Amino acid sequence: MRINHFVSPTLAALALTFAATGCSETVSPDDAKQSVEHAVAAVKLAEEAVPGTAFELDEEGKNGWDVDVVGEDDEVSELRVNAEGTKVSETRADGRIDIEDRRRLDQASVSMSDAIETASEEALGLVMSAELDRFRVDTLVWEIEFTDGEED
């Protein structure tokens, strides 16, 4: 089961919750906290390695995290970071950032790592993904996806 949280980049303290079904009975608070810590560590490590700004995160199971980071030259790097967020195991060039993603990043006033931490205050689950998105056309949000660990 998936639980989505949207965090407005302009109001870091405001977490708008959609499609949330309450607290997970299969994920412990310690596991949820550890998942958030590892996701945030992976994002920060990837941003330091490029250097640049993370705009997409995907959990890849035992393989760790895939983090897309754009550098100052608008070139995107996709980094594979271990599950604990402590080591980059692979970096590959992924072309130039597309115009819409660049616009979203330019408008964002909250980092991905801050958005993950803020959303986790409202959800008990394992971090699955994070990305900038639009909500109702004119509102920029970080979409943070959590799971309760069970299959759909």
N, C-alpha and C. Protein backbone atom coordinates (compact mmCIF):
# COMPACT_ATOMS: atom_id res chain seq x y z
N MET A 1 0.84 -1.16 0.00
CA MET A 1 0.00 0.00 0.00
C MET A 1 0.89 1.23 0.00
N ARG A 2 0.51 2.24 -0.74
CA ARG A 2 1.29 3.47 -0.82
C ARG A 2 0.58 4.59 -0.09
N ILE A 3 1.37 5.46 0.48
CA ILE A 3 0.87 6.63 1.18
C ILE A 3 1.60 7.82 0.58
N ASN A 4 0.88 8.80 0.04
CA ASN A 4 1.50 9.96 -0.56
C ASN A 4 1.36 11.17 0.35
N HIS A 5 2.40 11.95 0.39
CA HIS A 5 2.38 13.23 1.09
C HIS A 5 2.93 14.28 0.16
N PHE A 6 2.30 15.43 0.16
CA PHE A 6 2.77 16.55 -0.62
C PHE A 6 3.22 17.64 0.34
N VAL A 7 4.38 18.20 0.09
CA VAL A 7 4.90 19.26 0.94
C VAL A 7 5.14 20.48 0.08
N SER A 8 4.51 21.56 0.42
CA SER A 8 4.68 22.80 -0.32
C SER A 8 6.09 23.34 -0.12
N PRO A 9 6.83 23.64 -1.19
CA PRO A 9 8.16 24.17 -1.03
C PRO A 9 8.19 25.56 -0.40
N THR A 10 7.08 26.28 -0.45
CA THR A 10 7.08 27.62 0.12
C THR A 10 6.69 27.61 1.59
N LEU A 11 6.11 26.52 2.05
CA LEU A 11 5.71 26.42 3.45
C LEU A 11 6.20 25.08 4.00
N ALA A 12 7.45 25.04 4.41
CA ALA A 12 8.04 23.76 4.83
C ALA A 12 7.28 23.13 5.98
N ALA A 13 6.68 23.91 6.83
CA ALA A 13 6.00 23.36 8.00
C ALA A 13 4.62 22.81 7.66
N LEU A 14 4.12 23.15 6.48
CA LEU A 14 2.78 22.72 6.10
C LEU A 14 2.87 21.46 5.26
N ALA A 15 2.35 20.38 5.78
CA ALA A 15 2.32 19.13 5.01
C ALA A 15 0.87 18.84 4.66
N LEU A 16 0.58 18.79 3.39
CA LEU A 16 -0.76 18.49 2.92
C LEU A 16 -0.83 17.01 2.61
N THR A 17 -1.74 16.32 3.21
CA THR A 17 -1.81 14.88 3.09
C THR A 17 -2.95 14.46 2.18
N PHE A 18 -2.64 13.58 1.24
CA PHE A 18 -3.64 13.05 0.32
C PHE A 18 -3.48 11.54 0.26
N ALA A 19 -4.56 10.82 0.17
CA ALA A 19 -4.57 9.36 0.02
C ALA A 19 -3.85 8.67 1.17
N ALA A 20 -3.77 9.29 2.30
CA ALA A 20 -3.15 8.65 3.46
C ALA A 20 -4.22 7.83 4.17
N THR A 21 -3.82 6.67 4.62
CA THR A 21 -4.78 5.78 5.25
C THR A 21 -4.52 5.61 6.73
N GLY A 22 -3.76 6.52 7.32
CA GLY A 22 -3.47 6.42 8.74
C GLY A 22 -2.12 5.78 8.98
N CYS A 23 -1.86 5.43 10.20
CA CYS A 23 -0.57 4.88 10.57
C CYS A 23 -0.44 3.44 10.11
N SER A 24 0.76 3.09 9.76
CA SER A 24 1.04 1.74 9.32
C SER A 24 1.12 0.81 10.52
N GLU A 25 0.57 -0.38 10.37
CA GLU A 25 0.69 -1.38 11.41
C GLU A 25 1.84 -2.32 11.13
N THR A 26 2.46 -2.22 9.95
CA THR A 26 3.53 -3.13 9.58
C THR A 26 4.91 -2.51 9.65
N VAL A 27 4.98 -1.20 9.77
CA VAL A 27 6.27 -0.50 9.86
C VAL A 27 6.39 0.09 11.26
N SER A 28 7.47 -0.24 11.94
CA SER A 28 7.67 0.30 13.27
C SER A 28 8.14 1.75 13.18
N PRO A 29 7.91 2.53 14.23
CA PRO A 29 8.42 3.91 14.24
C PRO A 29 9.93 3.97 14.04
N ASP A 30 10.66 3.01 14.59
CA ASP A 30 12.12 2.98 14.42
C ASP A 30 12.51 2.72 12.97
N ASP A 31 11.81 1.79 12.30
CA ASP A 31 12.09 1.51 10.90
C ASP A 31 11.77 2.72 10.03
N ALA A 32 10.65 3.39 10.32
CA ALA A 32 10.27 4.58 9.56
C ALA A 32 11.31 5.69 9.74
N LYS A 33 11.74 5.89 10.97
CA LYS A 33 12.74 6.93 11.25
C LYS A 33 14.04 6.62 10.52
N GLN A 34 14.45 5.35 10.56
CA GLN A 34 15.68 4.95 9.90
C GLN A 34 15.58 5.14 8.38
N SER A 35 14.43 4.83 7.81
CA SER A 35 14.23 5.02 6.38
C SER A 35 14.38 6.49 6.00
N VAL A 36 13.80 7.37 6.79
CA VAL A 36 13.92 8.81 6.53
C VAL A 36 15.37 9.25 6.66
N GLU A 37 16.05 8.81 7.71
CA GLU A 37 17.45 9.17 7.90
C GLU A 37 18.31 8.71 6.74
N HIS A 38 18.07 7.49 6.25
CA HIS A 38 18.86 6.96 5.13
C HIS A 38 18.55 7.70 3.84
N ALA A 39 17.29 8.02 3.60
CA ALA A 39 16.91 8.76 2.40
C ALA A 39 17.55 10.15 2.41
N VAL A 40 17.47 10.84 3.53
CA VAL A 40 18.05 12.18 3.64
C VAL A 40 19.57 12.11 3.48
N ALA A 41 20.20 11.12 4.08
CA ALA A 41 21.65 10.96 3.96
C ALA A 41 22.03 10.71 2.50
N ALA A 42 21.25 9.90 1.79
CA ALA A 42 21.53 9.62 0.38
C ALA A 42 21.43 10.88 -0.47
N VAL A 43 20.40 11.68 -0.21
CA VAL A 43 20.21 12.93 -0.95
C VAL A 43 21.38 13.88 -0.69
N LYS A 44 21.74 14.07 0.57
CA LYS A 44 22.83 15.00 0.90
C LYS A 44 24.16 14.53 0.33
N LEU A 45 24.43 13.23 0.40
CA LEU A 45 25.68 12.69 -0.15
C LEU A 45 25.73 12.90 -1.66
N ALA A 46 24.63 12.64 -2.35
CA ALA A 46 24.58 12.82 -3.80
C ALA A 46 24.78 14.29 -4.17
N GLU A 47 24.15 15.19 -3.42
CA GLU A 47 24.31 16.62 -3.70
C GLU A 47 25.75 17.08 -3.50
N GLU A 48 26.43 16.52 -2.52
CA GLU A 48 27.84 16.85 -2.29
C GLU A 48 28.74 16.26 -3.37
N ALA A 49 28.42 15.06 -3.84
CA ALA A 49 29.26 14.36 -4.80
C ALA A 49 29.27 15.04 -6.16
N VAL A 50 28.15 15.66 -6.58
CA VAL A 50 28.09 16.20 -7.94
C VAL A 50 28.88 17.50 -8.09
N PRO A 51 28.84 18.55 -7.41
CA PRO A 51 27.81 19.06 -6.50
C PRO A 51 26.63 19.63 -7.28
N GLY A 52 25.49 19.67 -6.57
CA GLY A 52 24.29 20.16 -7.21
C GLY A 52 23.08 20.02 -6.33
N THR A 53 21.90 20.01 -6.95
CA THR A 53 20.63 19.97 -6.24
C THR A 53 19.85 18.72 -6.66
N ALA A 54 19.45 17.93 -5.67
CA ALA A 54 18.66 16.73 -5.94
C ALA A 54 17.23 17.12 -6.29
N PHE A 55 16.67 16.44 -7.30
CA PHE A 55 15.28 16.71 -7.67
C PHE A 55 14.45 15.45 -7.84
N GLU A 56 15.08 14.27 -7.74
CA GLU A 56 14.31 13.03 -7.79
C GLU A 56 15.05 11.95 -7.02
N LEU A 57 14.28 11.17 -6.25
CA LEU A 57 14.82 10.09 -5.43
C LEU A 57 13.93 8.87 -5.59
N ASP A 58 14.57 7.72 -5.79
CA ASP A 58 13.82 6.46 -5.86
C ASP A 58 14.52 5.41 -5.02
N GLU A 59 13.75 4.73 -4.19
CA GLU A 59 14.27 3.65 -3.38
C GLU A 59 14.39 2.42 -4.27
N GLU A 60 15.53 1.74 -4.21
CA GLU A 60 15.79 0.60 -5.08
C GLU A 60 16.07 -0.67 -4.28
N GLY A 61 15.39 -0.84 -3.15
CA GLY A 61 15.54 -2.05 -2.34
C GLY A 61 16.96 -2.20 -1.81
N LYS A 62 17.49 -3.40 -1.89
CA LYS A 62 18.83 -3.67 -1.38
C LYS A 62 19.91 -2.93 -2.17
N ASN A 63 19.57 -2.47 -3.37
CA ASN A 63 20.51 -1.71 -4.18
C ASN A 63 20.68 -0.28 -3.69
N GLY A 64 19.82 0.16 -2.79
CA GLY A 64 19.95 1.51 -2.22
C GLY A 64 19.00 2.51 -2.83
N TRP A 65 19.55 3.65 -3.22
CA TRP A 65 18.76 4.78 -3.70
C TRP A 65 19.32 5.25 -5.04
N ASP A 66 18.43 5.64 -5.94
CA ASP A 66 18.83 6.38 -7.13
C ASP A 66 18.46 7.83 -6.89
N VAL A 67 19.44 8.71 -7.04
CA VAL A 67 19.22 10.14 -6.79
C VAL A 67 19.62 10.90 -8.04
N ASP A 68 18.69 11.68 -8.59
CA ASP A 68 18.99 12.56 -9.72
C ASP A 68 19.36 13.92 -9.17
N VAL A 69 20.53 14.42 -9.62
CA VAL A 69 21.06 15.69 -9.15
C VAL A 69 21.43 16.52 -10.38
N VAL A 70 21.05 17.79 -10.35
CA VAL A 70 21.43 18.69 -11.43
C VAL A 70 22.54 19.61 -10.93
N GLY A 71 23.60 19.73 -11.73
CA GLY A 71 24.70 20.62 -11.40
C GLY A 71 24.43 22.02 -11.90
N GLU A 72 25.35 22.93 -11.59
CA GLU A 72 25.19 24.32 -12.01
C GLU A 72 25.17 24.46 -13.53
N ASP A 73 25.74 23.49 -14.25
CA ASP A 73 25.77 23.51 -15.71
C ASP A 73 24.51 22.93 -16.34
N ASP A 74 23.50 22.62 -15.51
CA ASP A 74 22.23 22.03 -15.94
C ASP A 74 22.37 20.59 -16.44
N GLU A 75 23.51 19.97 -16.20
CA GLU A 75 23.69 18.56 -16.53
C GLU A 75 23.20 17.71 -15.35
N VAL A 76 22.46 16.65 -15.68
CA VAL A 76 21.89 15.77 -14.67
C VAL A 76 22.81 14.57 -14.49
N SER A 77 23.06 14.22 -13.24
CA SER A 77 23.78 13.00 -12.90
C SER A 77 22.84 12.12 -12.10
N GLU A 78 22.82 10.83 -12.42
CA GLU A 78 22.07 9.87 -11.62
C GLU A 78 23.07 9.08 -10.80
N LEU A 79 22.89 9.14 -9.49
CA LEU A 79 23.82 8.48 -8.59
C LEU A 79 23.13 7.33 -7.89
N ARG A 80 23.82 6.22 -7.79
CA ARG A 80 23.34 5.09 -6.98
C ARG A 80 24.06 5.19 -5.65
N VAL A 81 23.28 5.31 -4.59
CA VAL A 81 23.81 5.44 -3.23
C VAL A 81 23.37 4.21 -2.45
N ASN A 82 24.24 3.67 -1.61
CA ASN A 82 23.88 2.47 -0.85
C ASN A 82 22.68 2.75 0.06
N ALA A 83 22.09 1.68 0.57
CA ALA A 83 20.84 1.77 1.34
C ALA A 83 20.96 2.64 2.58
N GLU A 84 22.15 2.73 3.15
CA GLU A 84 22.35 3.54 4.36
C GLU A 84 22.62 5.00 4.04
N GLY A 85 22.85 5.31 2.78
CA GLY A 85 23.13 6.68 2.37
C GLY A 85 24.54 7.13 2.69
N THR A 86 25.48 6.18 2.71
CA THR A 86 26.86 6.51 3.12
C THR A 86 27.89 6.39 2.01
N LYS A 87 27.52 5.81 0.85
CA LYS A 87 28.51 5.60 -0.20
C LYS A 87 27.85 5.65 -1.57
N VAL A 88 28.47 6.40 -2.47
CA VAL A 88 28.05 6.42 -3.87
C VAL A 88 28.74 5.26 -4.57
N SER A 89 27.95 4.38 -5.17
CA SER A 89 28.53 3.22 -5.84
C SER A 89 28.61 3.39 -7.36
N GLU A 90 27.82 4.32 -7.88
CA GLU A 90 27.80 4.52 -9.33
C GLU A 90 27.29 5.92 -9.64
N THR A 91 27.89 6.53 -10.64
CA THR A 91 27.44 7.83 -11.13
C THR A 91 27.40 7.76 -12.64
N ARG A 92 26.29 8.22 -13.20
CA ARG A 92 26.23 8.26 -14.66
C ARG A 92 25.58 9.55 -15.13
N ALA A 93 26.07 10.05 -16.24
CA ALA A 93 25.50 11.26 -16.84
C ALA A 93 24.14 10.91 -17.40
N ASP A 94 23.18 11.82 -17.23
CA ASP A 94 21.81 11.57 -17.67
C ASP A 94 21.29 12.73 -18.53
N GLY A 95 22.21 13.45 -19.19
CA GLY A 95 21.81 14.53 -20.09
C GLY A 95 21.51 15.83 -19.36
N ARG A 96 20.94 16.75 -20.11
CA ARG A 96 20.57 18.05 -19.54
C ARG A 96 19.20 17.96 -18.90
N ILE A 97 19.00 18.77 -17.88
CA ILE A 97 17.69 18.82 -17.21
C ILE A 97 16.67 19.40 -18.18
N ASP A 98 15.45 18.87 -18.16
CA ASP A 98 14.44 19.43 -19.06
C ASP A 98 13.93 20.75 -18.48
N ILE A 99 13.33 21.53 -19.34
CA ILE A 99 12.92 22.89 -18.99
C ILE A 99 11.95 22.91 -17.81
N GLU A 100 10.96 22.00 -17.81
CA GLU A 100 9.97 22.00 -16.73
C GLU A 100 10.61 21.66 -15.38
N ASP A 101 11.51 20.68 -15.36
CA ASP A 101 12.21 20.36 -14.10
C ASP A 101 13.07 21.54 -13.65
N ARG A 102 13.71 22.24 -14.57
CA ARG A 102 14.53 23.41 -14.22
C ARG A 102 13.66 24.50 -13.61
N ARG A 103 12.49 24.74 -14.21
CA ARG A 103 11.57 25.76 -13.67
C ARG A 103 11.14 25.39 -12.26
N ARG A 104 10.79 24.13 -12.07
CA ARG A 104 10.37 23.69 -10.73
C ARG A 104 11.48 23.91 -9.71
N LEU A 105 12.68 23.51 -10.06
CA LEU A 105 13.80 23.69 -9.12
C LEU A 105 14.05 25.16 -8.81
N ASP A 106 13.95 26.00 -9.82
CA ASP A 106 14.17 27.43 -9.60
C ASP A 106 13.12 28.03 -8.67
N GLN A 107 11.90 27.47 -8.67
CA GLN A 107 10.82 27.98 -7.83
C GLN A 107 10.82 27.39 -6.43
N ALA A 108 11.47 26.26 -6.25
CA ALA A 108 11.45 25.58 -4.96
C ALA A 108 12.25 26.35 -3.92
N SER A 109 11.66 26.51 -2.75
CA SER A 109 12.36 27.19 -1.66
C SER A 109 12.68 26.24 -0.51
N VAL A 110 12.32 24.97 -0.69
CA VAL A 110 12.59 23.94 0.31
C VAL A 110 13.38 22.83 -0.38
N SER A 111 14.42 22.36 0.26
CA SER A 111 15.21 21.28 -0.32
C SER A 111 14.47 19.95 -0.23
N MET A 112 14.90 18.99 -1.04
CA MET A 112 14.30 17.67 -1.00
C MET A 112 14.46 17.05 0.38
N SER A 113 15.64 17.16 0.97
CA SER A 113 15.86 16.54 2.29
C SER A 113 14.94 17.16 3.34
N ASP A 114 14.74 18.47 3.31
CA ASP A 114 13.82 19.11 4.27
C ASP A 114 12.38 18.66 4.02
N ALA A 115 12.02 18.49 2.74
CA ALA A 115 10.66 18.04 2.41
C ALA A 115 10.42 16.62 2.92
N ILE A 116 11.40 15.75 2.78
CA ILE A 116 11.26 14.37 3.27
C ILE A 116 11.06 14.38 4.78
N GLU A 117 11.88 15.15 5.47
CA GLU A 117 11.77 15.21 6.93
C GLU A 117 10.42 15.77 7.37
N THR A 118 9.94 16.80 6.68
CA THR A 118 8.65 17.40 7.03
C THR A 118 7.51 16.41 6.78
N ALA A 119 7.54 15.75 5.63
CA ALA A 119 6.48 14.78 5.32
C ALA A 119 6.48 13.63 6.31
N SER A 120 7.65 13.24 6.79
CA SER A 120 7.72 12.11 7.72
C SER A 120 7.08 12.42 9.07
N GLU A 121 6.90 13.69 9.37
CA GLU A 121 6.22 14.06 10.60
C GLU A 121 4.73 13.73 10.53
N GLU A 122 4.22 13.55 9.31
CA GLU A 122 2.81 13.27 9.10
C GLU A 122 2.54 11.83 8.70
N ALA A 123 3.58 11.07 8.36
CA ALA A 123 3.37 9.71 7.86
C ALA A 123 4.28 8.74 8.60
N LEU A 124 3.77 7.56 8.85
CA LEU A 124 4.58 6.49 9.40
C LEU A 124 4.72 5.46 8.29
N GLY A 125 5.88 5.42 7.67
CA GLY A 125 6.11 4.51 6.56
C GLY A 125 7.55 4.59 6.10
N LEU A 126 7.87 3.79 5.11
CA LEU A 126 9.19 3.75 4.52
C LEU A 126 9.22 4.66 3.30
N VAL A 127 10.26 5.46 3.17
CA VAL A 127 10.38 6.37 2.04
C VAL A 127 10.59 5.55 0.77
N MET A 128 9.78 5.85 -0.25
CA MET A 128 9.89 5.16 -1.54
C MET A 128 10.42 6.08 -2.64
N SER A 129 9.97 7.35 -2.61
CA SER A 129 10.40 8.27 -3.66
C SER A 129 10.11 9.70 -3.24
N ALA A 130 10.75 10.61 -3.97
CA ALA A 130 10.52 12.04 -3.78
C ALA A 130 10.79 12.74 -5.10
N GLU A 131 9.93 13.70 -5.43
CA GLU A 131 10.15 14.48 -6.63
C GLU A 131 9.31 15.75 -6.58
N LEU A 132 9.77 16.75 -7.31
CA LEU A 132 9.01 17.98 -7.45
C LEU A 132 7.88 17.75 -8.45
N ASP A 133 6.72 18.30 -8.15
CA ASP A 133 5.57 18.11 -9.03
C ASP A 133 4.66 19.32 -8.91
N ARG A 134 3.66 19.34 -9.72
CA ARG A 134 2.62 20.38 -9.66
C ARG A 134 1.37 19.76 -9.08
N PHE A 135 0.69 20.53 -8.25
CA PHE A 135 -0.61 20.14 -7.72
C PHE A 135 -1.61 21.18 -8.18
N ARG A 136 -2.64 20.72 -8.86
CA ARG A 136 -3.68 21.62 -9.40
C ARG A 136 -3.08 22.73 -10.24
N VAL A 137 -2.17 22.37 -11.09
CA VAL A 137 -1.53 23.20 -12.10
C VAL A 137 -0.65 24.32 -11.56
N ASP A 138 -1.10 25.07 -10.58
CA ASP A 138 -0.36 26.27 -10.18
C ASP A 138 0.37 26.17 -8.85
N THR A 139 0.35 25.02 -8.20
CA THR A 139 1.02 24.88 -6.91
C THR A 139 2.16 23.87 -7.03
N LEU A 140 3.35 24.34 -6.74
CA LEU A 140 4.53 23.49 -6.77
C LEU A 140 4.64 22.75 -5.44
N VAL A 141 4.86 21.43 -5.50
CA VAL A 141 4.95 20.62 -4.29
C VAL A 141 6.07 19.59 -4.43
N TRP A 142 6.59 19.18 -3.31
CA TRP A 142 7.41 17.97 -3.26
C TRP A 142 6.44 16.82 -3.03
N GLU A 143 6.46 15.84 -3.88
CA GLU A 143 5.66 14.64 -3.68
C GLU A 143 6.57 13.59 -3.05
N ILE A 144 6.25 13.22 -1.82
CA ILE A 144 7.03 12.25 -1.07
C ILE A 144 6.15 11.01 -0.93
N GLU A 145 6.64 9.89 -1.40
CA GLU A 145 5.87 8.66 -1.36
C GLU A 145 6.42 7.73 -0.28
N PHE A 146 5.52 7.27 0.57
CA PHE A 146 5.85 6.31 1.63
C PHE A 146 5.09 5.01 1.36
N THR A 147 5.58 3.93 1.91
CA THR A 147 4.87 2.66 1.84
C THR A 147 4.84 2.05 3.22
N ASP A 148 3.85 1.19 3.43
CA ASP A 148 3.77 0.50 4.72
C ASP A 148 4.53 -0.82 4.70
N GLY A 149 5.20 -1.10 3.58
CA GLY A 149 6.02 -2.30 3.48
C GLY A 149 5.28 -3.50 2.93
N GLU A 150 3.95 -3.40 2.79
CA GLU A 150 3.17 -4.51 2.24
C GLU A 150 3.00 -4.33 0.75
N GLU A 151 2.83 -5.43 0.06
CA GLU A 151 2.57 -5.41 -1.38
C GLU A 151 1.16 -4.91 -1.64
N ASP A 152 0.97 -4.24 -2.77
CA ASP A 152 -0.36 -3.78 -3.17
C ASP A 152 -1.25 -4.96 -3.52
